[in-house]
Amino acid sequence: MARRLALGFAFRDLAANLISDVGLAIHQRWPFKIGDVVETNDVFGVVEKVYLRTSIIRTLEGKMAVIPNKQIYQNKVLNHSASGTRRVDLACGVSYGNDLEKVRRVVMDTPDGIDGRDRSREAEVFFTGFGSSSIDLVGRFWVDYEKHPDFLDAQSRAIIAIKKAFDANDIVVPFPIRNLDFGIRGGQPLADSFPERAFNGHGQEAS
């Protein structure tokens, strides 16, 4: 009985491999081709080789991942190169004292000078929430996408451009604010936490 079960599992695995190999062979360019930037089976990188039974993906760190085509065929594949474009999302926060309509205009206009920008799609700006020290927002625009460094370069240039635009328009990006609480119940000054000692007005122990 055990031997039959072992043979059954072996044939099932063989059949799964055969189906996936035939499926990939029939579709050829699907779900990816050599040179595409893909994400599958917890691996993100560039497709280097596609064989009958395995595919080789080079990660962005330069590591080579060999993935059985059965796993690719049976699991989700994200092909970042398929459409030729990719969206850049930039999240940041501005001071509560800023004019939000002005902030929106500045962020929307900034990607116009980015190389490789897809001008068929407008830039978008959405305010996403009230942060502890800032109004949070995300700016979005699309760029041509062939290689991952193209995306990273566009993202980097956009950050530099937005920082310069904020400086030129007196738009403040605040530093995070942290309140230190020294009491168990909260809202207790440092001096009150040590009632047996006397503190001067500068928070230093009096002599």
N, C-alpha and C. Protein backbone atom coordinates (compact mmCIF):
# COMPACT_ATOMS: atom_id res chain seq x y z
N MET A 1 0.82 -1.20 0.00
CA MET A 1 0.00 0.00 0.00
C MET A 1 0.86 1.26 0.00
N ALA A 2 1.90 1.25 0.87
CA ALA A 2 2.79 2.40 0.97
C ALA A 2 3.52 2.63 -0.35
N ARG A 3 3.89 1.50 -1.01
CA ARG A 3 4.61 1.62 -2.27
C ARG A 3 3.72 2.23 -3.34
N ARG A 4 2.45 1.84 -3.34
CA ARG A 4 1.50 2.39 -4.32
C ARG A 4 1.31 3.88 -4.10
N LEU A 5 1.24 4.29 -2.82
CA LEU A 5 1.09 5.70 -2.52
C LEU A 5 2.30 6.49 -2.99
N ALA A 6 3.50 5.92 -2.76
CA ALA A 6 4.73 6.60 -3.19
C ALA A 6 4.76 6.75 -4.69
N LEU A 7 4.39 5.69 -5.41
CA LEU A 7 4.36 5.76 -6.87
C LEU A 7 3.30 6.76 -7.34
N GLY A 8 2.17 6.80 -6.62
CA GLY A 8 1.12 7.74 -7.00
C GLY A 8 1.58 9.18 -6.87
N PHE A 9 2.26 9.49 -5.78
CA PHE A 9 2.78 10.84 -5.59
C PHE A 9 3.85 11.18 -6.64
N ALA A 10 4.68 10.20 -6.96
CA ALA A 10 5.73 10.42 -7.95
C ALA A 10 5.13 10.72 -9.32
N PHE A 11 4.12 9.94 -9.71
CA PHE A 11 3.48 10.18 -11.01
C PHE A 11 2.72 11.50 -11.02
N ARG A 12 2.13 11.86 -9.89
CA ARG A 12 1.41 13.14 -9.82
C ARG A 12 2.37 14.30 -10.01
N ASP A 13 3.54 14.23 -9.35
CA ASP A 13 4.54 15.29 -9.49
C ASP A 13 5.07 15.34 -10.92
N LEU A 14 5.28 14.17 -11.52
CA LEU A 14 5.77 14.11 -12.89
C LEU A 14 4.74 14.72 -13.85
N ALA A 15 3.47 14.40 -13.62
CA ALA A 15 2.41 14.94 -14.46
C ALA A 15 2.31 16.45 -14.32
N ALA A 16 2.47 16.95 -13.09
CA ALA A 16 2.41 18.40 -12.87
C ALA A 16 3.54 19.10 -13.58
N ASN A 17 4.74 18.51 -13.52
CA ASN A 17 5.88 19.10 -14.23
C ASN A 17 5.64 19.10 -15.73
N LEU A 18 5.10 17.99 -16.26
CA LEU A 18 4.86 17.88 -17.69
C LEU A 18 3.84 18.91 -18.15
N ILE A 19 2.75 19.07 -17.38
CA ILE A 19 1.72 20.04 -17.75
C ILE A 19 2.27 21.46 -17.75
N SER A 20 3.05 21.80 -16.72
CA SER A 20 3.60 23.14 -16.65
C SER A 20 4.60 23.39 -17.77
N ASP A 21 5.43 22.38 -18.08
CA ASP A 21 6.41 22.54 -19.16
C ASP A 21 5.71 22.74 -20.50
N VAL A 22 4.68 21.94 -20.76
CA VAL A 22 3.93 22.07 -22.02
C VAL A 22 3.22 23.42 -22.07
N GLY A 23 2.64 23.83 -20.92
CA GLY A 23 1.94 25.11 -20.88
C GLY A 23 2.86 26.27 -21.19
N LEU A 24 4.04 26.30 -20.58
CA LEU A 24 4.98 27.37 -20.84
C LEU A 24 5.50 27.32 -22.27
N ALA A 25 5.69 26.11 -22.79
CA ALA A 25 6.18 25.98 -24.16
C ALA A 25 5.16 26.49 -25.17
N ILE A 26 3.88 26.20 -24.92
CA ILE A 26 2.82 26.65 -25.84
C ILE A 26 2.70 28.16 -25.84
N HIS A 27 2.74 28.76 -24.63
CA HIS A 27 2.55 30.20 -24.54
C HIS A 27 3.81 30.98 -24.90
N GLN A 28 4.95 30.37 -24.80
CA GLN A 28 6.25 30.95 -25.14
C GLN A 28 6.52 32.25 -24.39
N ARG A 29 5.93 33.35 -24.81
CA ARG A 29 6.22 34.65 -24.21
C ARG A 29 5.40 34.90 -22.94
N TRP A 30 4.59 33.95 -22.57
CA TRP A 30 3.78 34.12 -21.37
C TRP A 30 4.21 33.11 -20.31
N PRO A 31 4.33 33.50 -19.07
CA PRO A 31 4.02 34.82 -18.50
C PRO A 31 5.16 35.82 -18.58
N PHE A 32 6.30 35.44 -19.14
CA PHE A 32 7.40 36.39 -19.27
C PHE A 32 8.35 35.91 -20.36
N LYS A 33 9.28 36.80 -20.70
CA LYS A 33 10.33 36.45 -21.65
C LYS A 33 11.67 36.87 -21.05
N ILE A 34 12.74 36.47 -21.69
CA ILE A 34 14.07 36.82 -21.19
C ILE A 34 14.22 38.34 -21.19
N GLY A 35 14.71 38.87 -20.08
CA GLY A 35 14.89 40.31 -19.93
C GLY A 35 13.79 41.00 -19.16
N ASP A 36 12.66 40.33 -18.97
CA ASP A 36 11.55 40.93 -18.21
C ASP A 36 11.89 41.00 -16.72
N VAL A 37 11.36 42.02 -16.07
CA VAL A 37 11.46 42.14 -14.61
C VAL A 37 10.20 41.53 -14.02
N VAL A 38 10.38 40.46 -13.25
CA VAL A 38 9.22 39.71 -12.75
C VAL A 38 9.35 39.48 -11.26
N GLU A 39 8.21 39.09 -10.67
CA GLU A 39 8.15 38.74 -9.25
C GLU A 39 7.30 37.48 -9.14
N THR A 40 7.91 36.41 -8.63
CA THR A 40 7.20 35.15 -8.49
C THR A 40 7.88 34.29 -7.45
N ASN A 41 7.10 33.55 -6.71
CA ASN A 41 7.63 32.62 -5.70
C ASN A 41 8.63 33.32 -4.77
N ASP A 42 8.28 34.55 -4.34
CA ASP A 42 9.10 35.34 -3.42
C ASP A 42 10.44 35.73 -4.02
N VAL A 43 10.56 35.75 -5.35
CA VAL A 43 11.78 36.18 -6.02
C VAL A 43 11.44 37.36 -6.92
N PHE A 44 12.24 38.43 -6.83
CA PHE A 44 12.06 39.62 -7.67
C PHE A 44 13.36 39.86 -8.43
N GLY A 45 13.26 39.89 -9.77
CA GLY A 45 14.47 40.11 -10.54
C GLY A 45 14.22 40.03 -12.04
N VAL A 46 15.31 39.86 -12.78
CA VAL A 46 15.30 39.84 -14.25
C VAL A 46 15.41 38.41 -14.75
N VAL A 47 14.55 38.05 -15.70
CA VAL A 47 14.58 36.70 -16.27
C VAL A 47 15.84 36.54 -17.12
N GLU A 48 16.68 35.57 -16.76
CA GLU A 48 17.93 35.33 -17.48
C GLU A 48 17.79 34.21 -18.51
N LYS A 49 17.20 33.10 -18.11
CA LYS A 49 17.05 31.94 -18.98
C LYS A 49 15.71 31.27 -18.72
N VAL A 50 15.15 30.67 -19.77
CA VAL A 50 13.92 29.89 -19.63
C VAL A 50 14.17 28.53 -20.28
N TYR A 51 14.23 27.48 -19.47
CA TYR A 51 14.43 26.15 -19.96
C TYR A 51 13.10 25.38 -19.94
N LEU A 52 13.13 24.14 -20.38
CA LEU A 52 11.92 23.35 -20.44
C LEU A 52 11.36 23.08 -19.05
N ARG A 53 12.25 22.88 -18.07
CA ARG A 53 11.78 22.51 -16.74
C ARG A 53 12.02 23.59 -15.69
N THR A 54 12.93 24.50 -15.92
CA THR A 54 13.24 25.54 -14.94
C THR A 54 13.43 26.89 -15.61
N SER A 55 13.31 27.94 -14.81
CA SER A 55 13.62 29.29 -15.25
C SER A 55 14.61 29.91 -14.28
N ILE A 56 15.52 30.72 -14.80
CA ILE A 56 16.55 31.34 -13.98
C ILE A 56 16.27 32.84 -13.91
N ILE A 57 16.16 33.36 -12.69
CA ILE A 57 15.90 34.78 -12.46
C ILE A 57 17.05 35.37 -11.66
N ARG A 58 17.62 36.46 -12.17
CA ARG A 58 18.70 37.15 -11.46
C ARG A 58 18.09 38.25 -10.60
N THR A 59 18.28 38.16 -9.29
CA THR A 59 17.72 39.16 -8.38
C THR A 59 18.49 40.47 -8.53
N LEU A 60 17.93 41.54 -7.95
CA LEU A 60 18.57 42.85 -8.04
C LEU A 60 19.90 42.88 -7.29
N GLU A 61 20.10 41.92 -6.39
CA GLU A 61 21.38 41.82 -5.68
C GLU A 61 22.41 40.99 -6.44
N GLY A 62 22.02 40.46 -7.61
CA GLY A 62 22.94 39.68 -8.42
C GLY A 62 22.91 38.19 -8.17
N LYS A 63 21.99 37.73 -7.32
CA LYS A 63 21.89 36.29 -7.05
C LYS A 63 21.06 35.61 -8.14
N MET A 64 21.38 34.36 -8.43
CA MET A 64 20.66 33.59 -9.43
C MET A 64 19.69 32.63 -8.75
N ALA A 65 18.41 32.76 -9.05
CA ALA A 65 17.39 31.88 -8.49
C ALA A 65 16.90 30.94 -9.58
N VAL A 66 16.98 29.64 -9.32
CA VAL A 66 16.50 28.63 -10.24
C VAL A 66 15.14 28.14 -9.73
N ILE A 67 14.09 28.40 -10.51
CA ILE A 67 12.73 28.09 -10.07
C ILE A 67 12.12 27.06 -11.02
N PRO A 68 11.61 25.95 -10.49
CA PRO A 68 10.93 24.98 -11.36
C PRO A 68 9.73 25.62 -12.05
N ASN A 69 9.57 25.34 -13.33
CA ASN A 69 8.45 25.92 -14.07
C ASN A 69 7.10 25.51 -13.49
N LYS A 70 7.05 24.35 -12.83
CA LYS A 70 5.81 23.92 -12.18
C LYS A 70 5.37 24.95 -11.16
N GLN A 71 6.32 25.46 -10.35
CA GLN A 71 5.98 26.45 -9.34
C GLN A 71 5.56 27.78 -9.97
N ILE A 72 6.19 28.13 -11.08
CA ILE A 72 5.82 29.37 -11.76
C ILE A 72 4.42 29.23 -12.36
N TYR A 73 4.16 28.10 -12.95
CA TYR A 73 2.88 27.87 -13.63
C TYR A 73 1.72 27.82 -12.64
N GLN A 74 1.99 27.35 -11.42
CA GLN A 74 0.93 27.16 -10.43
C GLN A 74 0.78 28.34 -9.48
N ASN A 75 1.67 29.32 -9.54
CA ASN A 75 1.63 30.43 -8.60
C ASN A 75 1.54 31.77 -9.35
N LYS A 76 1.30 32.81 -8.57
CA LYS A 76 1.14 34.14 -9.14
C LYS A 76 2.45 34.66 -9.70
N VAL A 77 2.38 35.31 -10.87
CA VAL A 77 3.53 35.95 -11.50
C VAL A 77 3.19 37.40 -11.76
N LEU A 78 4.01 38.31 -11.25
CA LEU A 78 3.87 39.73 -11.55
C LEU A 78 4.95 40.11 -12.56
N ASN A 79 4.52 40.51 -13.75
CA ASN A 79 5.46 40.92 -14.80
C ASN A 79 5.45 42.44 -14.87
N HIS A 80 6.50 43.06 -14.34
CA HIS A 80 6.56 44.52 -14.29
C HIS A 80 6.92 45.13 -15.64
N SER A 81 7.40 44.33 -16.56
CA SER A 81 7.83 44.83 -17.87
C SER A 81 6.76 44.70 -18.94
N ALA A 82 5.69 43.96 -18.67
CA ALA A 82 4.73 43.60 -19.71
C ALA A 82 4.09 44.82 -20.36
N SER A 83 3.73 45.84 -19.56
CA SER A 83 3.03 46.99 -20.12
C SER A 83 3.97 48.06 -20.65
N GLY A 84 5.24 47.99 -20.29
CA GLY A 84 6.21 49.00 -20.74
C GLY A 84 6.18 50.28 -19.93
N THR A 85 5.30 50.38 -18.94
CA THR A 85 5.25 51.54 -18.06
C THR A 85 5.08 51.07 -16.62
N ARG A 86 5.42 51.98 -15.71
CA ARG A 86 5.24 51.66 -14.29
C ARG A 86 4.98 52.94 -13.52
N ARG A 87 4.17 52.83 -12.48
CA ARG A 87 3.82 54.01 -11.70
C ARG A 87 4.81 54.24 -10.57
N VAL A 88 5.21 55.49 -10.40
CA VAL A 88 6.06 55.90 -9.29
C VAL A 88 5.18 56.54 -8.23
N ASP A 89 5.23 56.01 -7.01
CA ASP A 89 4.46 56.55 -5.89
C ASP A 89 5.44 57.17 -4.88
N LEU A 90 5.23 58.45 -4.56
CA LEU A 90 6.09 59.14 -3.61
C LEU A 90 5.24 59.64 -2.45
N ALA A 91 5.50 59.12 -1.27
CA ALA A 91 4.76 59.54 -0.07
C ALA A 91 5.61 60.53 0.72
N CYS A 92 4.96 61.58 1.22
CA CYS A 92 5.66 62.55 2.06
C CYS A 92 4.63 63.26 2.93
N GLY A 93 5.10 64.19 3.75
CA GLY A 93 4.21 64.96 4.60
C GLY A 93 4.61 66.42 4.58
N VAL A 94 3.65 67.30 4.73
CA VAL A 94 3.92 68.75 4.78
C VAL A 94 3.34 69.32 6.07
N SER A 95 3.85 70.47 6.45
CA SER A 95 3.43 71.09 7.69
C SER A 95 1.95 71.46 7.66
N TYR A 96 1.34 71.45 8.84
CA TYR A 96 -0.06 71.85 8.96
C TYR A 96 -0.27 73.31 8.56
N GLY A 97 0.79 74.11 8.57
CA GLY A 97 0.66 75.52 8.22
C GLY A 97 0.70 75.80 6.74
N ASN A 98 0.96 74.80 5.91
CA ASN A 98 1.05 75.01 4.46
C ASN A 98 -0.32 75.09 3.82
N ASP A 99 -0.38 75.81 2.68
CA ASP A 99 -1.58 75.87 1.85
C ASP A 99 -1.65 74.57 1.05
N LEU A 100 -2.61 73.72 1.35
CA LEU A 100 -2.65 72.40 0.73
C LEU A 100 -2.95 72.46 -0.77
N GLU A 101 -3.73 73.42 -1.21
CA GLU A 101 -3.98 73.57 -2.65
C GLU A 101 -2.68 73.92 -3.38
N LYS A 102 -1.87 74.77 -2.77
CA LYS A 102 -0.57 75.12 -3.35
C LYS A 102 0.34 73.90 -3.38
N VAL A 103 0.34 73.14 -2.29
CA VAL A 103 1.15 71.92 -2.24
C VAL A 103 0.76 70.97 -3.36
N ARG A 104 -0.52 70.81 -3.56
CA ARG A 104 -1.02 69.91 -4.61
C ARG A 104 -0.55 70.36 -5.99
N ARG A 105 -0.64 71.65 -6.28
CA ARG A 105 -0.21 72.15 -7.59
C ARG A 105 1.29 71.93 -7.80
N VAL A 106 2.07 72.21 -6.76
CA VAL A 106 3.53 72.07 -6.88
C VAL A 106 3.92 70.62 -7.15
N VAL A 107 3.33 69.69 -6.40
CA VAL A 107 3.67 68.28 -6.57
C VAL A 107 3.21 67.76 -7.93
N MET A 108 2.06 68.21 -8.40
CA MET A 108 1.56 67.76 -9.71
C MET A 108 2.43 68.26 -10.86
N ASP A 109 2.98 69.47 -10.73
CA ASP A 109 3.78 70.06 -11.81
C ASP A 109 5.20 69.53 -11.85
N THR A 110 5.70 69.04 -10.73
CA THR A 110 7.12 68.66 -10.63
C THR A 110 7.53 67.54 -11.58
N PRO A 111 6.75 66.46 -11.77
CA PRO A 111 7.21 65.37 -12.65
C PRO A 111 7.36 65.74 -14.12
N ASP A 112 6.90 66.93 -14.53
CA ASP A 112 6.98 67.30 -15.95
C ASP A 112 8.40 67.26 -16.49
N GLY A 113 9.38 67.53 -15.63
CA GLY A 113 10.76 67.55 -16.10
C GLY A 113 11.51 66.25 -15.94
N ILE A 114 10.83 65.19 -15.54
CA ILE A 114 11.49 63.89 -15.32
C ILE A 114 11.63 63.16 -16.64
N ASP A 115 12.86 62.73 -16.96
CA ASP A 115 13.10 61.96 -18.19
C ASP A 115 12.34 60.64 -18.15
N GLY A 116 11.74 60.28 -19.30
CA GLY A 116 11.03 59.03 -19.39
C GLY A 116 9.61 59.08 -18.86
N ARG A 117 9.14 60.27 -18.47
CA ARG A 117 7.78 60.39 -17.95
C ARG A 117 6.77 60.07 -19.04
N ASP A 118 5.76 59.28 -18.70
CA ASP A 118 4.67 58.97 -19.62
C ASP A 118 3.68 60.13 -19.58
N ARG A 119 3.73 60.99 -20.59
CA ARG A 119 2.93 62.21 -20.59
C ARG A 119 1.50 61.97 -21.04
N SER A 120 1.17 60.73 -21.40
CA SER A 120 -0.21 60.43 -21.74
C SER A 120 -1.08 60.29 -20.49
N ARG A 121 -0.45 60.25 -19.32
CA ARG A 121 -1.18 60.14 -18.06
C ARG A 121 -0.80 61.30 -17.16
N GLU A 122 -1.81 61.93 -16.59
CA GLU A 122 -1.55 63.05 -15.69
C GLU A 122 -1.00 62.56 -14.36
N ALA A 123 -0.18 63.44 -13.77
CA ALA A 123 0.27 63.16 -12.40
C ALA A 123 -0.92 63.31 -11.46
N GLU A 124 -0.86 62.60 -10.33
CA GLU A 124 -1.94 62.63 -9.36
C GLU A 124 -1.38 62.91 -7.97
N VAL A 125 -2.15 63.62 -7.17
CA VAL A 125 -1.78 63.90 -5.80
C VAL A 125 -2.98 63.63 -4.91
N PHE A 126 -2.80 62.83 -3.87
CA PHE A 126 -3.87 62.52 -2.93
C PHE A 126 -3.37 62.75 -1.51
N PHE A 127 -4.13 63.51 -0.74
CA PHE A 127 -3.83 63.65 0.68
C PHE A 127 -4.43 62.43 1.40
N THR A 128 -3.60 61.81 2.22
CA THR A 128 -3.97 60.51 2.76
C THR A 128 -4.28 60.49 4.25
N GLY A 129 -3.95 61.57 4.97
CA GLY A 129 -4.28 61.52 6.39
C GLY A 129 -3.64 62.63 7.19
N PHE A 130 -4.04 62.72 8.45
CA PHE A 130 -3.50 63.68 9.40
C PHE A 130 -2.46 62.97 10.25
N GLY A 131 -1.19 63.26 9.99
CA GLY A 131 -0.13 62.64 10.75
C GLY A 131 0.10 63.35 12.07
N SER A 132 1.01 62.81 12.89
CA SER A 132 1.27 63.40 14.20
C SER A 132 1.89 64.78 14.09
N SER A 133 2.63 65.03 13.01
CA SER A 133 3.26 66.35 12.84
C SER A 133 3.14 66.85 11.40
N SER A 134 2.34 66.19 10.57
CA SER A 134 2.26 66.59 9.16
C SER A 134 0.94 66.14 8.54
N ILE A 135 0.59 66.81 7.43
CA ILE A 135 -0.48 66.33 6.56
C ILE A 135 0.18 65.40 5.55
N ASP A 136 -0.23 64.14 5.50
CA ASP A 136 0.41 63.14 4.66
C ASP A 136 -0.22 63.12 3.27
N LEU A 137 0.61 62.88 2.27
CA LEU A 137 0.13 62.84 0.89
C LEU A 137 0.95 61.84 0.09
N VAL A 138 0.44 61.48 -1.08
CA VAL A 138 1.18 60.65 -2.02
C VAL A 138 1.04 61.25 -3.42
N GLY A 139 2.16 61.40 -4.11
CA GLY A 139 2.18 61.86 -5.49
C GLY A 139 2.45 60.69 -6.41
N ARG A 140 1.74 60.63 -7.55
CA ARG A 140 1.87 59.49 -8.46
C ARG A 140 2.06 59.98 -9.88
N PHE A 141 2.98 59.33 -10.60
CA PHE A 141 3.12 59.57 -12.03
C PHE A 141 3.70 58.31 -12.67
N TRP A 142 3.57 58.22 -13.99
CA TRP A 142 3.98 57.02 -14.72
C TRP A 142 5.25 57.30 -15.53
N VAL A 143 6.10 56.27 -15.66
CA VAL A 143 7.33 56.39 -16.44
C VAL A 143 7.46 55.17 -17.36
N ASP A 144 8.23 55.34 -18.43
CA ASP A 144 8.57 54.21 -19.29
C ASP A 144 9.41 53.22 -18.49
N TYR A 145 9.13 51.94 -18.69
CA TYR A 145 9.78 50.93 -17.86
C TYR A 145 10.28 49.78 -18.73
N GLU A 146 11.60 49.69 -18.84
CA GLU A 146 12.24 48.56 -19.50
C GLU A 146 13.14 47.81 -18.52
N LYS A 147 13.92 48.59 -17.78
CA LYS A 147 14.81 48.03 -16.77
C LYS A 147 14.51 48.67 -15.42
N HIS A 148 14.76 47.91 -14.36
CA HIS A 148 14.43 48.43 -13.04
C HIS A 148 15.21 49.69 -12.68
N PRO A 149 16.48 49.83 -13.09
CA PRO A 149 17.18 51.09 -12.81
C PRO A 149 16.49 52.32 -13.40
N ASP A 150 15.73 52.14 -14.51
CA ASP A 150 14.97 53.27 -15.06
C ASP A 150 13.96 53.77 -14.03
N PHE A 151 13.29 52.86 -13.39
CA PHE A 151 12.30 53.21 -12.36
C PHE A 151 12.97 53.88 -11.17
N LEU A 152 14.08 53.31 -10.70
CA LEU A 152 14.77 53.87 -9.54
C LEU A 152 15.31 55.26 -9.84
N ASP A 153 15.81 55.46 -11.07
CA ASP A 153 16.34 56.78 -11.45
C ASP A 153 15.23 57.82 -11.49
N ALA A 154 14.07 57.46 -12.05
CA ALA A 154 12.94 58.38 -12.10
C ALA A 154 12.47 58.72 -10.70
N GLN A 155 12.41 57.74 -9.83
CA GLN A 155 11.99 57.96 -8.44
C GLN A 155 12.95 58.90 -7.73
N SER A 156 14.26 58.67 -7.93
CA SER A 156 15.26 59.50 -7.28
C SER A 156 15.20 60.95 -7.79
N ARG A 157 15.08 61.11 -9.12
CA ARG A 157 15.01 62.45 -9.69
C ARG A 157 13.76 63.19 -9.20
N ALA A 158 12.67 62.48 -9.06
CA ALA A 158 11.43 63.10 -8.61
C ALA A 158 11.57 63.59 -7.16
N ILE A 159 12.22 62.81 -6.31
CA ILE A 159 12.43 63.23 -4.92
C ILE A 159 13.26 64.51 -4.87
N ILE A 160 14.33 64.55 -5.67
CA ILE A 160 15.17 65.75 -5.71
C ILE A 160 14.38 66.95 -6.21
N ALA A 161 13.59 66.74 -7.28
CA ALA A 161 12.82 67.84 -7.87
C ALA A 161 11.76 68.36 -6.91
N ILE A 162 11.08 67.46 -6.21
CA ILE A 162 10.04 67.89 -5.26
C ILE A 162 10.66 68.65 -4.09
N LYS A 163 11.81 68.19 -3.61
CA LYS A 163 12.49 68.91 -2.52
C LYS A 163 12.86 70.32 -2.96
N LYS A 164 13.38 70.47 -4.17
CA LYS A 164 13.74 71.80 -4.67
C LYS A 164 12.49 72.67 -4.85
N ALA A 165 11.41 72.07 -5.35
CA ALA A 165 10.17 72.83 -5.54
C ALA A 165 9.59 73.27 -4.20
N PHE A 166 9.65 72.41 -3.20
CA PHE A 166 9.18 72.79 -1.87
C PHE A 166 9.99 73.95 -1.31
N ASP A 167 11.32 73.88 -1.46
CA ASP A 167 12.18 74.96 -0.97
C ASP A 167 11.87 76.28 -1.67
N ALA A 168 11.65 76.22 -2.99
CA ALA A 168 11.39 77.43 -3.77
C ALA A 168 10.04 78.05 -3.44
N ASN A 169 9.11 77.24 -2.95
CA ASN A 169 7.76 77.72 -2.68
C ASN A 169 7.45 77.81 -1.18
N ASP A 170 8.50 77.75 -0.36
CA ASP A 170 8.35 77.86 1.10
C ASP A 170 7.37 76.84 1.67
N ILE A 171 7.42 75.64 1.13
CA ILE A 171 6.61 74.54 1.65
C ILE A 171 7.48 73.74 2.62
N VAL A 172 6.98 73.58 3.82
CA VAL A 172 7.78 72.99 4.89
C VAL A 172 7.44 71.51 5.06
N VAL A 173 8.49 70.68 5.07
CA VAL A 173 8.36 69.27 5.45
C VAL A 173 8.84 69.16 6.89
N PRO A 174 7.94 68.96 7.85
CA PRO A 174 8.34 69.04 9.26
C PRO A 174 9.11 67.81 9.72
N PHE A 175 9.95 68.04 10.73
CA PHE A 175 10.60 66.93 11.39
C PHE A 175 9.59 66.25 12.32
N PRO A 176 9.73 64.94 12.54
CA PRO A 176 8.83 64.27 13.48
C PRO A 176 8.93 64.87 14.88
N ILE A 177 7.80 64.99 15.55
CA ILE A 177 7.75 65.54 16.91
C ILE A 177 7.49 64.40 17.89
N ARG A 178 8.29 64.32 18.93
CA ARG A 178 8.12 63.28 19.94
C ARG A 178 7.97 63.93 21.31
N ASN A 179 6.96 63.52 22.06
CA ASN A 179 6.77 63.98 23.43
C ASN A 179 7.23 62.91 24.39
N LEU A 180 8.07 63.29 25.34
CA LEU A 180 8.57 62.36 26.35
C LEU A 180 7.69 62.45 27.58
N ASP A 181 7.15 61.32 28.01
CA ASP A 181 6.24 61.26 29.15
C ASP A 181 6.89 60.44 30.25
N PHE A 182 7.08 61.06 31.42
CA PHE A 182 7.81 60.39 32.50
C PHE A 182 6.90 59.80 33.57
N GLY A 183 5.60 59.96 33.43
CA GLY A 183 4.68 59.43 34.44
C GLY A 183 4.00 58.16 34.00
N ILE A 184 3.64 57.32 34.93
CA ILE A 184 2.96 56.07 34.61
C ILE A 184 1.60 56.34 33.99
N ARG A 185 0.88 57.33 34.52
CA ARG A 185 -0.45 57.65 34.03
C ARG A 185 -0.42 58.57 32.81
N GLY A 186 0.68 59.15 32.51
CA GLY A 186 0.78 60.03 31.36
C GLY A 186 0.59 61.49 31.74
N GLY A 187 1.27 62.38 30.99
CA GLY A 187 1.13 63.81 31.21
C GLY A 187 1.81 64.32 32.45
N GLN A 188 2.83 63.62 32.92
CA GLN A 188 3.50 64.00 34.17
C GLN A 188 4.88 64.56 33.87
N PRO A 189 5.21 65.79 34.34
CA PRO A 189 6.53 66.37 34.10
C PRO A 189 7.63 65.57 34.78
N LEU A 190 8.85 65.80 34.33
CA LEU A 190 9.99 65.08 34.89
C LEU A 190 10.16 65.36 36.38
N ALA A 191 10.00 66.63 36.77
CA ALA A 191 10.21 66.99 38.17
C ALA A 191 9.22 66.29 39.09
N ASP A 192 7.97 66.10 38.61
CA ASP A 192 6.96 65.46 39.44
C ASP A 192 7.19 63.96 39.58
N SER A 193 8.02 63.40 38.73
CA SER A 193 8.31 61.97 38.81
C SER A 193 9.28 61.65 39.94
N PHE A 194 9.97 62.69 40.45
CA PHE A 194 10.94 62.50 41.53
C PHE A 194 10.62 63.49 42.65
N PRO A 195 9.51 63.27 43.36
CA PRO A 195 9.08 64.25 44.36
C PRO A 195 10.06 64.42 45.52
N GLU A 196 10.89 63.42 45.76
CA GLU A 196 11.80 63.51 46.90
C GLU A 196 12.99 64.41 46.59
N ARG A 197 13.13 64.83 45.34
CA ARG A 197 14.25 65.68 44.97
C ARG A 197 13.72 67.02 44.48
N ALA A 198 14.49 68.02 44.66
CA ALA A 198 14.10 69.36 44.21
C ALA A 198 14.82 69.66 42.91
N PHE A 199 14.09 70.21 41.95
CA PHE A 199 14.69 70.57 40.68
C PHE A 199 14.57 72.08 40.49
N ASN A 200 15.58 72.65 39.85
CA ASN A 200 15.48 74.06 39.52
C ASN A 200 14.64 74.26 38.27
N GLY A 201 14.51 75.46 37.78
CA GLY A 201 13.65 75.75 36.64
C GLY A 201 14.13 75.18 35.34
N HIS A 202 15.38 74.73 35.30
CA HIS A 202 15.93 74.18 34.05
C HIS A 202 15.88 72.66 34.03
N GLY A 203 15.17 72.02 34.91
CA GLY A 203 15.06 70.56 34.91
C GLY A 203 16.28 69.88 35.49
N GLN A 204 17.20 70.69 36.14
CA GLN A 204 18.40 70.12 36.73
C GLN A 204 18.22 70.01 38.24
N GLU A 205 18.87 69.01 38.83
CA GLU A 205 18.73 68.81 40.26
C GLU A 205 19.40 69.95 40.99
N ALA A 206 18.67 70.56 41.91
CA ALA A 206 19.22 71.69 42.67
C ALA A 206 20.22 71.18 43.68
N SER A 207 21.23 71.99 43.96
CA SER A 207 22.26 71.59 44.93
C SER A 207 21.81 71.92 46.34
